[in-house]
Structure formats: structure tokens, C-alpha cells
Amino acid sequence: MRQLALSLAPQPLPSLGNFVPGRNAELLAMLSALAAGDRSERMVYIWGGHGCGKTHLLQAMRSAFSARDVPVAQLDGAMVLADVPPPEVVLADDVEQLDEQSQERLFNVYNAQRDGGGVLIAAGAVPSARLPLREDLMTRLGWGLAYEVHGLSDDEKMAAMTEHARARGFNLGREVIEYLFRRQARDLPALLGLLEALDRYSLENKRAITIPLVRELLSDADG
């Protein structure tokens, strides 16, 4: 596809407001209260499969805390959080991927946050009891609140796509969404990425997003 000369609207950043809750309404309400300053629950573990929204929620929480000038840092994969002591809020994504050194650091961060009044929100692919981590860390992650992040139904994904399109300033007809669902993997991040490509392609060609335009784009991609 040709590159647009005009600048494009930026992709909306993950926020609590643009997270489609589906069956996660209780989790979203708890995180919203935590972001607003409620400290009745400070240790939280969320888990779920690929594409369920865990990383979206962690990124949204980071933005929410930063907007209130609350010190926040993130630990993910094999990255070791260097701050000692940790900031008021620590977010840890993909904890099942932590190497031995990072597990030691997260164990110490957990204890520091628990004893010092800080917040720790961790996320993983499986329930805490099934994490491939050292036992003392696995146990601690199970002490606080734990929520499964439920993936969205097809109808909820369609609603998310409609809202994503609206946030970028274009309308997406139901027939286009259903066409995409019949021909693409129903992974929401992948579908939203496809919407980004459709938006660019439609602007480049100065045409509305219709099924014929989608066919053209997918044909170009396949070719």
C-alpha cells in the first residue's frame, strides 16, 4: 500500500474507558477504584489467555496512575526493575516469563509493597497456582485479589471494533465487521490492527470502508 502524505489520527492509547468489559465488569470497577486512590485492595493478580485484555488493563492503569502523578513502574518478561525501594505502584506483566533474577526481584517487590502500603498488579497467562515460578513467589501472588480476565464474545468483539473505529473518526458498518469475522482470525488485537490498515487504505484511496474495499485490501495483502 502507498504511504499517506497526510498525517493520520493516532491510535487510541489503552485506557480504562476504552476497555470493553464484557464479563469483566467487577474487575474493571475494582481497578477503576484503585486508580482513583482506593487502597482497600493493593495486591492484585489477573490472568487469562492471549488477547483477553490483560496488557491493555496494565497499560491503562499505568496511564491512570501517571495522570494523577502517582509514581509507577513496570516489570515484564526478563526485565529487572532497578528501583530500590520500589515506587508506590508496580505493574508486572507476563510473570510466567520471568527469569530467576526477575523472580527474586518481584518477590522482594511484593514484600515491600505489602509492608509499605504500595500497590502491585501482576498479570499472567494462568492462575497463580499454575505459574512456573518459585513457590514462595507463586504463593504470594495468590494471597491478594485474583481475577480471570475473560475473553470477549463475538458480539462484544464487534462492539469493541465499532468503538475503535468511532475513536479513529470513521464509521464501520455491521456488514463489514461480519465479513471480517468470516474471513479473519477472531483475535481482537489482530482485528483492531486490521482496522488500522483499513483506515489507512480508505484514506489513501478516498473511499468509504465497504466490503469491496476490504476485499481489495485483503487481496493486496495476500498477493
Foldseek 3Di string as FASTA:
>chain_A
DDFDPDDADDQDQQALVLDLQAVNPVVSVVLVVVLVPDLPFFAEEEAAAPQLCPVSSLRRSVVSNVVVVFDEEEAEAADADDDVPHGQEYEYEAVLRYDPVNLVRVLVNLVCCVVVVGHYYYYHHDQLVPRPGPPSSSVSSVPGHYYYRDHHDLVSLLVSLQVSQVVSPAGDDPVLSVVCPVPDPSRSVVVSVVVVVLVRQCVVVVHHDDPVSVVVVVVVVVD
